[in-house]
Amino acid sequence: MLSNVTGWIKKLTEAGVGLVALAVVVQVIFGSSASFLPGDVVARLTDMIGALGSAGLVGLITAGLLYTIFSK
């Protein structure tokens, strides 16, 4: 049962990462004014990366954990 739940979580995470990647590509092609995107995806990603960079050691640890989670 636990492996079933873990499988669902992995599949949802993969789908979410795929949707974010698709949104970035669409925004690069059509610009930030694409009417079917709910905002400026690239700016949000840039802000999150900047926040992690300015957080120092905590941001580095968080980035490492996120990398470990998404690389599996």
C-alpha atoms as a PDB file:
ATOM      1  CA  MET A   1       0.000   0.000   0.000  1.00  0.00           C
ATOM      2  CA  LEU A   2       2.803   2.421   0.870  1.00  0.00           C
ATOM      3  CA  SER A   3       4.579   1.663  -2.406  1.00  0.00           C
ATOM      4  CA  ASN A   4       1.348   2.446  -4.242  1.00  0.00           C
ATOM      5  CA  VAL A   5       1.096   5.860  -2.569  1.00  0.00           C
ATOM      6  CA  THR A   6       4.775   6.524  -3.239  1.00  0.00           C
ATOM      7  CA  GLY A   7       4.246   5.658  -6.901  1.00  0.00           C
ATOM      8  CA  TRP A   8       1.373   8.139  -7.166  1.00  0.00           C
ATOM      9  CA  ILE A   9       3.473  10.873  -5.551  1.00  0.00           C
ATOM     10  CA  LYS A  10       6.339  10.228  -7.977  1.00  0.00           C
ATOM     11  CA  LYS A  11       4.012  10.330 -10.964  1.00  0.00           C
ATOM     12  CA  LEU A  12       2.386  13.580  -9.784  1.00  0.00           C
ATOM     13  CA  THR A  13       5.810  15.143  -9.223  1.00  0.00           C
ATOM     14  CA  GLU A  14       6.943  14.112 -12.707  1.00  0.00           C
ATOM     15  CA  ALA A  15       3.760  15.548 -14.201  1.00  0.00           C
ATOM     16  CA  GLY A  16       4.252  18.831 -12.298  1.00  0.00           C
ATOM     17  CA  VAL A  17       7.849  19.178 -13.461  1.00  0.00           C
ATOM     18  CA  GLY A  18       6.736  18.463 -17.016  1.00  0.00           C
ATOM     19  CA  LEU A  19       4.034  21.126 -16.827  1.00  0.00           C
ATOM     20  CA  VAL A  20       6.500  23.713 -15.505  1.00  0.00           C
ATOM     21  CA  ALA A  21       8.940  22.870 -18.305  1.00  0.00           C
ATOM     22  CA  LEU A  22       6.154  23.159 -20.869  1.00  0.00           C
ATOM     23  CA  ALA A  23       5.085  26.521 -19.425  1.00  0.00           C
ATOM     24  CA  VAL A  24       8.664  27.819 -19.691  1.00  0.00           C
ATOM     25  CA  VAL A  25       8.938  26.725 -23.326  1.00  0.00           C
ATOM     26  CA  VAL A  26       5.553  28.249 -24.190  1.00  0.00           C
ATOM     27  CA  GLN A  27       6.517  31.506 -22.502  1.00  0.00           C
ATOM     28  CA  VAL A  28       9.826  31.627 -24.380  1.00  0.00           C
ATOM     29  CA  ILE A  29       8.016  31.085 -27.686  1.00  0.00           C
ATOM     30  CA  PHE A  30       4.977  33.333 -27.142  1.00  0.00           C
ATOM     31  CA  GLY A  31       6.321  35.778 -24.565  1.00  0.00           C
ATOM     32  CA  SER A  32       5.011  36.650 -21.138  1.00  0.00           C
ATOM     33  CA  SER A  33       1.687  37.775 -22.569  1.00  0.00           C
ATOM     34  CA  ALA A  34       0.550  34.258 -23.529  1.00  0.00           C
ATOM     35  CA  SER A  35      -3.129  34.336 -22.670  1.00  0.00           C
ATOM     36  CA  PHE A  36      -3.319  30.667 -21.639  1.00  0.00           C
ATOM     37  CA  LEU A  37      -0.608  30.883 -18.976  1.00  0.00           C
ATOM     38  CA  PRO A  38      -1.627  32.014 -15.491  1.00  0.00           C
ATOM     39  CA  GLY A  39       1.227  34.477 -15.051  1.00  0.00           C
ATOM     40  CA  ASP A  40       4.906  35.031 -15.636  1.00  0.00           C
ATOM     41  CA  VAL A  41       6.402  31.561 -15.058  1.00  0.00           C
ATOM     42  CA  VAL A  42       9.992  32.515 -15.904  1.00  0.00           C
ATOM     43  CA  ALA A  43       9.911  35.486 -13.514  1.00  0.00           C
ATOM     44  CA  ARG A  44       8.571  33.280 -10.708  1.00  0.00           C
ATOM     45  CA  LEU A  45      11.322  30.711 -11.285  1.00  0.00           C
ATOM     46  CA  THR A  46      13.933  33.456 -11.376  1.00  0.00           C
ATOM     47  CA  ASP A  47      12.614  34.880  -8.105  1.00  0.00           C
ATOM     48  CA  MET A  48      12.713  31.466  -6.412  1.00  0.00           C
ATOM     49  CA  ILE A  49      16.266  30.807  -7.597  1.00  0.00           C
ATOM     50  CA  GLY A  50      17.305  34.270  -6.438  1.00  0.00           C
ATOM     51  CA  ALA A  51      15.735  33.676  -3.028  1.00  0.00           C
ATOM     52  CA  LEU A  52      17.608  30.388  -2.680  1.00  0.00           C
ATOM     53  CA  GLY A  53      20.836  32.113  -3.687  1.00  0.00           C
ATOM     54  CA  SER A  54      20.427  34.901  -1.159  1.00  0.00           C
ATOM     55  CA  ALA A  55      19.563  32.482   1.657  1.00  0.00           C
ATOM     56  CA  GLY A  56      23.183  31.357   1.998  1.00  0.00           C
ATOM     57  CA  LEU A  57      23.822  27.925   3.476  1.00  0.00           C
ATOM     58  CA  VAL A  58      20.124  27.185   4.030  1.00  0.00           C
ATOM     59  CA  GLY A  59      19.438  27.925   0.368  1.00  0.00           C
ATOM     60  CA  LEU A  60      22.308  25.688  -0.699  1.00  0.00           C
ATOM     61  CA  ILE A  61      21.007  22.821   1.443  1.00  0.00           C
ATOM     62  CA  THR A  62      17.486  23.344   0.086  1.00  0.00           C
ATOM     63  CA  ALA A  63      18.742  23.360  -3.498  1.00  0.00           C
ATOM     64  CA  GLY A  64      20.670  20.150  -2.818  1.00  0.00           C
ATOM     65  CA  LEU A  65      17.595  18.478  -1.354  1.00  0.00           C
ATOM     66  CA  LEU A  66      15.439  19.540  -4.289  1.00  0.00           C
ATOM     67  CA  TYR A  67      18.052  18.242  -6.707  1.00  0.00           C
ATOM     68  CA  THR A  68      18.153  14.912  -4.891  1.00  0.00           C
ATOM     69  CA  ILE A  69      14.366  14.614  -4.926  1.00  0.00           C
ATOM     70  CA  PHE A  70      13.962  15.447  -8.603  1.00  0.00           C
ATOM     71  CA  SER A  71      16.949  13.470  -9.883  1.00  0.00           C
ATOM     72  CA  LYS A  72      15.545  10.120  -8.720  1.00  0.00           C
END
